[in-house]
Protein backbone atom coordinates (compact mmCIF):
# COMPACT_ATOMS: atom_id res chain seq x y z
CA UNK A 1 -5.47 15.56 -18.30
CA UNK A 2 -5.32 17.67 -15.15
CA UNK A 3 -2.15 19.81 -15.21
CA UNK A 4 -1.30 19.27 -11.52
CA UNK A 5 -1.66 15.50 -11.75
CA UNK A 6 0.33 15.49 -14.97
CA UNK A 7 3.11 17.44 -13.25
CA UNK A 8 3.11 14.85 -10.48
CA UNK A 9 3.40 12.01 -12.98
CA UNK A 10 6.09 13.88 -14.94
CA UNK A 11 8.08 14.15 -11.69
CA UNK A 12 8.25 10.34 -11.57
CA UNK A 13 5.38 9.66 -9.16
CA UNK A 14 2.95 6.91 -10.14
CA UNK A 15 -0.57 7.82 -9.01
CA UNK A 16 -2.50 4.86 -7.65
CA UNK A 17 -6.04 4.99 -6.31
CA UNK A 18 -6.46 3.71 -2.76
CA UNK A 19 -9.98 2.43 -3.29
CA UNK A 20 -11.92 -0.21 -5.20
CA UNK A 21 -15.59 -1.10 -5.45
CA UNK A 22 -17.91 -2.79 -7.90
CA UNK A 23 -19.65 0.53 -8.38
CA UNK A 24 -16.40 2.09 -9.63
CA UNK A 25 -16.00 -0.79 -12.06
CA UNK A 26 -19.53 -1.01 -13.38
CA UNK A 27 -20.09 2.73 -13.77
CA UNK A 28 -16.80 3.22 -15.60
CA UNK A 29 -15.51 5.51 -12.84
CA UNK A 30 -12.18 3.69 -12.57
CA UNK A 31 -11.68 3.82 -16.34
CA UNK A 32 -12.45 7.56 -16.25
CA UNK A 33 -9.83 8.12 -13.54
CA UNK A 34 -7.28 6.30 -15.67
CA UNK A 35 -8.15 8.42 -18.68
CA UNK A 36 -8.55 11.81 -17.03
CA UNK A 37 -6.65 11.76 -13.73
CA UNK A 38 -3.48 9.84 -14.58
CA UNK A 39 -4.38 6.99 -12.23
CA UNK A 40 -2.07 4.09 -13.13
CA UNK A 41 -2.75 1.59 -10.34
CA UNK A 42 -5.20 0.52 -7.66
CA UNK A 43 -4.77 -0.67 -4.08
CA UNK A 44 -7.35 -2.39 -1.92
CA UNK A 45 -7.41 -3.56 1.68
CA UNK A 46 -9.90 -5.19 4.06
CA UNK A 47 -11.33 -1.84 5.14
CA UNK A 48 -11.96 -0.82 1.52
CA UNK A 49 -13.76 -4.08 0.73
CA UNK A 50 -15.77 -3.85 3.96
CA UNK A 51 -16.99 -0.36 3.01
CA UNK A 52 -17.81 -1.42 -0.53
CA UNK A 53 -19.85 -4.41 0.58
CA UNK A 54 -21.64 -2.56 3.38
CA UNK A 55 -22.62 0.41 1.23
CA UNK A 56 -23.22 -1.12 -2.17
CA UNK A 57 -26.20 -3.02 -3.57
CA UNK A 58 -24.24 -4.16 -6.61
CA UNK A 59 -23.15 -7.32 -4.80
CA UNK A 60 -26.69 -8.53 -4.02
CA UNK A 61 -27.17 -10.69 -7.12
CA UNK A 62 -23.81 -12.41 -6.66
CA UNK A 63 -24.51 -13.01 -2.98
CA UNK A 64 -27.78 -14.72 -3.93
CA UNK A 65 -25.94 -16.92 -6.45
CA UNK A 66 -23.31 -17.87 -3.88
CA UNK A 67 -25.99 -18.64 -1.30
CA UNK A 68 -27.77 -20.89 -3.80
CA UNK A 69 -24.49 -22.72 -4.42
CA UNK A 70 -24.10 -23.33 -0.69
CA UNK A 71 -20.96 -21.21 -0.41
CA UNK A 72 -19.76 -20.46 3.12
CA UNK A 73 -18.59 -16.98 4.12
CA UNK A 74 -14.90 -17.71 3.42
CA UNK A 75 -15.67 -18.93 -0.08
CA UNK A 76 -18.01 -15.98 -0.73
CA UNK A 77 -15.39 -13.50 0.47
CA UNK A 78 -12.74 -15.00 -1.80
CA UNK A 79 -15.02 -15.02 -4.86
CA UNK A 80 -16.37 -11.49 -4.42
CA UNK A 81 -13.07 -9.78 -3.66
CA UNK A 82 -11.09 -11.57 -6.37
CA UNK A 83 -13.84 -10.87 -8.92
CA UNK A 84 -13.51 -7.13 -8.25
CA UNK A 85 -9.73 -7.27 -8.42
CA UNK A 86 -9.83 -9.31 -11.64
CA UNK A 87 -12.10 -6.77 -13.31
CA UNK A 88 -9.91 -3.91 -12.10
CA UNK A 89 -6.89 -5.72 -13.54
CA UNK A 90 -8.64 -5.78 -16.90
CA UNK A 91 -9.30 -2.04 -16.71
CA UNK A 92 -5.65 -1.42 -15.83
CA UNK A 93 -4.21 -3.87 -18.39
CA UNK A 94 -3.45 -1.24 -21.08
CA UNK A 95 -1.38 0.70 -18.53
CA UNK A 96 0.38 -2.51 -17.51
CA UNK A 97 1.27 -3.27 -21.12
CA UNK A 98 2.37 0.29 -21.88
CA UNK A 99 4.69 0.49 -18.84
CA UNK A 100 6.23 -2.98 -19.19
CA UNK A 101 4.50 -4.10 -16.03
CA UNK A 102 5.73 -1.28 -13.82
CA UNK A 103 2.26 0.23 -13.37
CA UNK A 104 -1.25 -0.91 -14.21
CA UNK A 105 -1.16 -2.92 -10.99
CA UNK A 106 -4.06 -3.92 -8.72
CA UNK A 107 -3.32 -5.11 -5.19
CA UNK A 108 -5.29 -7.58 -3.06
CA UNK A 109 -4.36 -8.41 0.52
CA UNK A 110 -4.04 -11.73 2.27
CA UNK A 111 -6.38 -12.16 5.24
CA UNK A 112 -5.09 -9.81 7.98
CA UNK A 113 -5.54 -12.52 10.59
CA UNK A 114 -2.54 -14.24 8.98
CA UNK A 115 -0.19 -11.31 9.66
CA UNK A 116 1.79 -13.41 12.14
CA UNK A 117 1.52 -16.75 10.33
CA UNK A 118 4.21 -17.25 7.69
CA UNK A 119 3.20 -20.52 6.06
CA UNK A 120 -0.50 -19.63 5.89
CA UNK A 121 0.37 -16.27 4.32
CA UNK A 122 2.46 -17.95 1.62
CA UNK A 123 -0.35 -20.40 0.84
CA UNK A 124 -3.02 -17.69 0.65
CA UNK A 125 -0.81 -15.47 -1.50
CA UNK A 126 -0.52 -18.30 -4.03
CA UNK A 127 -4.29 -18.90 -3.89
CA UNK A 128 -5.11 -15.24 -4.48
CA UNK A 129 -2.61 -15.01 -7.34
CA UNK A 130 -4.06 -18.07 -9.04
CA UNK A 131 -7.69 -17.12 -8.40
CA UNK A 132 -7.39 -13.61 -9.82
CA UNK A 133 -5.44 -15.06 -12.72
CA UNK A 134 -4.26 -11.77 -14.21
CA UNK A 135 -0.59 -10.90 -14.74
CA UNK A 136 -0.96 -7.41 -13.23
CA UNK A 137 -2.25 -8.49 -9.83
CA UNK A 138 -0.05 -7.79 -6.80
CA UNK A 139 -0.48 -9.70 -3.55
CA UNK A 140 -0.31 -7.58 -0.40
CA UNK A 141 1.61 -9.12 2.49
CA UNK A 142 2.01 -7.29 5.82
CA UNK A 143 5.55 -6.23 6.67
CA UNK A 144 5.49 -7.95 10.04
CA UNK A 145 8.38 -10.08 11.33
CA UNK A 146 6.49 -13.19 10.26
CA UNK A 147 5.69 -11.54 6.95
CA UNK A 148 9.34 -11.14 5.93
CA UNK A 149 9.94 -14.84 5.14
CA UNK A 150 6.51 -14.96 3.48
CA UNK A 151 7.61 -12.12 1.19
CA UNK A 152 10.79 -14.02 0.31
CA UNK A 153 8.95 -17.25 -0.44
CA UNK A 154 6.24 -15.53 -2.50
CA UNK A 155 8.78 -13.59 -4.57
CA UNK A 156 10.79 -16.81 -4.99
CA UNK A 157 7.67 -18.34 -6.54
CA UNK A 158 7.60 -15.58 -9.15
CA UNK A 159 4.62 -13.71 -7.66
CA UNK A 160 4.67 -9.90 -7.48
CA UNK A 161 4.19 -8.48 -3.98
CA UNK A 162 2.99 -5.24 -2.41
CA UNK A 163 4.38 -5.18 1.13
CA UNK A 164 1.96 -3.29 3.36
CA UNK A 165 1.89 -1.83 6.88
CA UNK A 166 5.49 -0.56 6.89
CA UNK A 167 6.02 2.18 9.47
CA UNK A 168 9.62 2.00 10.69
CA UNK A 169 13.05 2.21 9.12
CA UNK A 170 14.46 -1.04 10.54
CA UNK A 171 11.24 -2.78 9.51
CA UNK A 172 11.68 -1.34 6.02
CA UNK A 173 15.28 -2.57 5.79
CA UNK A 174 14.09 -6.10 6.60
CA UNK A 175 11.39 -5.83 3.92
CA UNK A 176 13.96 -4.87 1.27
CA UNK A 177 16.21 -7.70 2.43
CA UNK A 178 13.29 -10.13 2.16
CA UNK A 179 12.60 -8.94 -1.38
CA UNK A 180 16.19 -9.26 -2.59
CA UNK A 181 16.58 -12.68 -1.00
CA UNK A 182 13.37 -13.70 -2.76
CA UNK A 183 14.77 -12.53 -6.08
CA UNK A 184 17.92 -14.57 -5.56
CA UNK A 185 15.79 -17.63 -4.88
CA UNK A 186 13.52 -16.85 -7.84
CA UNK A 187 16.55 -16.79 -10.13
CA UNK A 188 17.66 -20.15 -8.73
CA UNK A 189 14.13 -21.44 -9.36
CA UNK A 190 14.33 -20.43 -13.00
CA UNK A 191 11.94 -17.47 -12.92
CA UNK A 192 12.39 -14.47 -15.21
CA UNK A 193 13.31 -11.69 -12.78
CA UNK A 194 12.08 -8.93 -15.08
CA UNK A 195 8.54 -10.27 -14.61
CA UNK A 196 8.64 -9.92 -10.82
CA UNK A 197 7.66 -6.54 -9.38
CA UNK A 198 7.25 -5.23 -5.87
CA UNK A 199 6.38 -2.07 -4.00
CA UNK A 200 6.97 -1.33 -0.32
CA UNK A 201 4.00 0.51 1.19
CA UNK A 202 5.42 2.94 3.72
CA UNK A 203 2.62 4.50 5.79
CA UNK A 204 2.79 8.23 6.40
CA UNK A 205 -0.18 9.96 8.06
CA UNK A 206 -0.55 7.40 10.84
CA UNK A 207 2.98 8.23 12.00
CA UNK A 208 1.95 11.85 12.52
CA UNK A 209 -1.23 10.81 14.29
CA UNK A 210 0.68 8.70 16.82
CA UNK A 211 3.58 11.13 17.32
CA UNK A 212 1.29 14.17 17.62
CA UNK A 213 -0.82 12.33 20.20
CA UNK A 214 2.28 11.69 22.29
CA UNK A 215 3.52 15.26 21.92
CA UNK A 216 0.15 16.64 22.96
CA UNK A 217 0.27 14.50 26.10
CA UNK A 218 3.42 16.28 27.28
CA UNK A 219 2.89 19.18 29.67
CA UNK A 220 6.40 20.62 29.79
CA UNK A 221 9.77 20.49 28.07
CA UNK A 222 10.58 20.41 24.34
CA UNK A 223 7.57 18.19 23.57
CA UNK A 224 5.31 21.22 23.98
CA UNK A 225 6.88 22.97 20.96
CA UNK A 226 4.11 23.14 18.31
CA UNK A 227 6.76 23.23 15.58
CA UNK A 228 7.42 19.53 16.21
CA UNK A 229 3.92 18.47 15.21
CA UNK A 230 2.75 17.27 11.83
CA UNK A 231 6.24 16.65 10.44
CA UNK A 232 7.23 13.18 11.61
CA UNK A 233 5.39 11.33 8.84
CA UNK A 234 7.14 13.15 6.00
CA UNK A 235 10.53 13.11 7.76
CA UNK A 236 10.24 9.36 8.36
CA UNK A 237 9.33 8.72 4.72
CA UNK A 238 12.23 10.84 3.47
CA UNK A 239 14.63 8.78 5.57
CA UNK A 240 13.05 5.64 4.15
CA UNK A 241 13.83 6.84 0.64
CA UNK A 242 17.40 7.55 1.65
CA UNK A 243 17.61 3.99 2.95
CA UNK A 244 16.11 2.71 -0.33
CA UNK A 245 18.75 4.50 -2.40
CA UNK A 246 21.54 3.10 -0.24
CA UNK A 247 20.15 -0.44 -0.26
CA UNK A 248 19.68 -0.90 -3.99
CA UNK A 249 23.32 -0.46 -4.98
CA UNK A 250 26.50 -2.46 -4.76
CA UNK A 251 27.62 -5.83 -6.07
CA UNK A 252 24.76 -7.91 -4.69
CA UNK A 253 22.10 -5.75 -6.31
CA UNK A 254 24.05 -5.24 -9.52
CA UNK A 255 24.27 -9.02 -9.98
CA UNK A 256 20.47 -9.27 -9.76
CA UNK A 257 19.95 -6.22 -11.94
CA UNK A 258 22.11 -7.84 -14.63
CA UNK A 259 19.56 -10.68 -14.65
CA UNK A 260 16.69 -8.25 -15.18
CA UNK A 261 15.68 -7.57 -11.57
CA UNK A 262 13.77 -4.39 -10.78
CA UNK A 263 14.03 -2.25 -7.68
CA UNK A 264 11.24 -2.51 -5.13
CA UNK A 265 9.69 0.94 -5.42
CA UNK A 266 8.73 2.87 -2.29
CA UNK A 267 4.99 3.47 -2.15
CA UNK A 268 3.67 6.26 0.06
CA UNK A 269 0.51 4.92 1.71
CA UNK A 270 -1.93 6.41 4.20
CA UNK A 271 -1.64 9.75 2.41
CA UNK A 272 -5.05 11.11 3.35
CA UNK A 273 -4.45 13.94 5.84
CA UNK A 274 -6.26 13.20 9.10
CA UNK A 275 -5.67 16.53 10.89
CA UNK A 276 -7.80 19.32 9.35
CA UNK A 277 -5.23 21.88 10.47
CA UNK A 278 -2.68 20.48 8.02
CA UNK A 279 -2.43 21.00 4.25
CA UNK A 280 -4.59 18.29 2.70
CA UNK A 281 -1.99 17.61 -0.03
CA UNK A 282 1.13 17.50 2.18
CA UNK A 283 1.65 13.73 2.02
CA UNK A 284 1.74 13.97 -1.75
CA UNK A 285 3.49 17.22 -2.65
CA UNK A 286 6.08 16.98 0.14
CA UNK A 287 7.10 13.46 -0.93
CA UNK A 288 7.59 14.03 -4.64
CA UNK A 289 10.60 12.10 -5.91
CA UNK A 290 11.17 9.92 -8.95
CA UNK A 291 10.51 6.18 -9.01
CA UNK A 292 7.90 6.23 -6.26
CA UNK A 293 4.19 5.45 -6.00
CA UNK A 294 1.63 7.50 -4.10
CA UNK A 295 -1.63 5.68 -3.43
CA UNK A 296 -4.38 8.15 -2.58
CA UNK A 297 -8.00 8.05 -1.53
CA UNK A 298 -10.10 9.92 -4.07
CA UNK A 299 -10.54 12.88 -1.71
CA UNK A 300 -6.78 13.40 -1.66
CA UNK A 301 -6.53 12.86 -5.41
CA UNK A 302 -9.14 15.59 -5.93
CA UNK A 303 -7.32 17.95 -3.55
CA UNK A 304 -4.04 17.49 -5.41
CA UNK A 305 -5.78 18.04 -8.75
CA UNK A 306 -7.33 21.23 -7.39
CA UNK A 307 -4.46 22.91 -5.54
CA UNK A 308 -1.48 20.59 -5.12
CA UNK A 309 1.80 22.32 -5.93
CA UNK A 310 4.47 20.10 -7.45
CA UNK A 311 7.83 21.75 -6.73
CA UNK A 312 10.37 19.22 -7.93
CA UNK A 313 12.22 16.73 -5.77
CA UNK A 314 11.02 17.22 -2.20
CA UNK A 315 12.85 14.25 -0.71
CA UNK A 316 16.58 14.10 -1.50
CA UNK A 317 17.35 17.75 -0.61
CA UNK A 318 15.74 17.27 2.81
CA UNK A 319 17.62 14.29 4.26
CA UNK A 320 19.47 16.45 6.79
CA UNK A 321 16.25 18.19 7.83
CA UNK A 322 14.56 14.81 8.30
CA UNK A 323 17.38 13.50 10.50
CA UNK A 324 17.33 16.71 12.53
CA UNK A 325 13.59 16.49 13.07
CA UNK A 326 13.69 12.89 14.23
CA UNK A 327 16.51 13.81 16.62
CA UNK A 328 14.42 16.70 17.98
CA UNK A 329 11.54 14.29 18.58
CA UNK A 330 13.86 11.95 20.48
CA UNK A 331 15.04 14.85 22.62
CA UNK A 332 11.40 15.69 23.29
CA UNK A 333 10.90 12.21 24.72
CA UNK A 334 9.35 10.46 21.73
CA UNK A 335 10.44 6.81 21.70
CA UNK A 336 10.62 6.03 17.97
CA UNK A 337 10.81 2.26 18.38
CA UNK A 338 7.78 2.26 20.66
CA UNK A 339 5.85 4.42 18.18
CA UNK A 340 6.58 1.96 15.38
CA UNK A 341 5.70 -1.06 17.53
CA UNK A 342 2.36 0.54 18.45
CA UNK A 343 1.59 1.46 14.83
CA UNK A 344 2.28 -2.04 13.50
CA UNK A 345 0.00 -3.56 16.12
CA UNK A 346 -2.70 -0.96 15.50
CA UNK A 347 -2.43 -1.41 11.73
CA UNK A 348 -2.88 -5.17 11.90
CA UNK A 349 -5.67 -4.86 14.47
CA UNK A 350 -7.61 -2.34 12.37
CA UNK A 351 -7.48 -4.57 9.30
CA UNK A 352 -8.55 -7.60 11.36
CA UNK A 353 -11.56 -5.65 12.64
CA UNK A 354 -12.44 -4.53 9.10
CA UNK A 355 -12.08 -8.11 7.82
CA UNK A 356 -14.30 -9.44 10.60
CA UNK A 357 -16.90 -6.78 9.83
CA UNK A 358 -16.71 -7.64 6.12
CA UNK A 359 -17.31 -11.31 6.85
CA UNK A 360 -20.07 -10.50 9.32
CA UNK A 361 -21.84 -8.35 6.72
CA UNK A 362 -21.44 -11.03 4.09
CA UNK A 363 -22.56 -13.79 6.45
CA UNK A 364 -25.79 -11.92 7.20
CA UNK A 365 -26.35 -11.31 3.49
CA UNK A 366 -25.86 -15.02 2.73
CA UNK A 367 -28.30 -15.99 5.47
CA UNK A 368 -30.88 -13.50 4.21
CA UNK A 369 -30.48 -14.79 0.64
CA UNK A 370 -30.98 -18.40 1.77
CA UNK A 371 -34.08 -17.39 3.73
């Protein structure tokens, strides 16, 4: 076990891999990462599946079978993606059993085109859950306004949820509210609350990308201060954790906890550093705090294993610094609400593009197989 990754896990951070492909499954790479790199979960998204299908030949035989069966592109997409997630769930099952369901999780996302369609999201979440058919699957639902009631209804049905595309603090508060309301309904529906798990995927690096872009566009005033750049993502995430600690307390939560309910853990997502001028481990080592998840692309995982410095809790002692930084950004003319609005739209749009490309690739493969 790598010492740096072990230190991260010992600090209470669950290491999840932000990638999945049939090649990882069939070569044993995922199993090796579980054994040697303390990886205890897996996340996928439309962009990850699109890359896997475009680059890999390991899907060719299955595509030919689906073509022979007369499957259309929607059916083929469902079968191929859920097959990969099901196999990953089997790889992660020992971790799931050993952690009482806390880790060992594999996430699969509803179609991104449904991000603003509540009822369709709820229906597809149930379909994905049933199709994968493994207890450690998590269904990813976007944290859009229309996604909040979908989260509630899916949790109420006893299905574990990974809420994705969270960028802003008010958005995050609504996600936590949706989760707790779902738990209350699940209890009324007779579900065992201890079996329902959730994580809230709070995106980090994209916040810096958007804020830095706006700071760089300023030609005078406080926005030109280089000290403001590259810090918004971490500051925003630290404030999210403060909000999490405040939310999951009090009589309402204690009543659910007495019935076995579990807190919805914050998950730091988008932790690959996009600016080469920044420390390539910053979105991991600067967000170390217990009871969190950090889902990393393998490049970031390797960087942390090589030179990431775990220095204890890097979140709670920095609440005041985080508030001060966000205030400084406001004084520099950065409109926080507009940043978040732009990031949510961009996040959904990027996943829709990736999904469309995935289906286009698969459609061409099906046509070629039929020919």
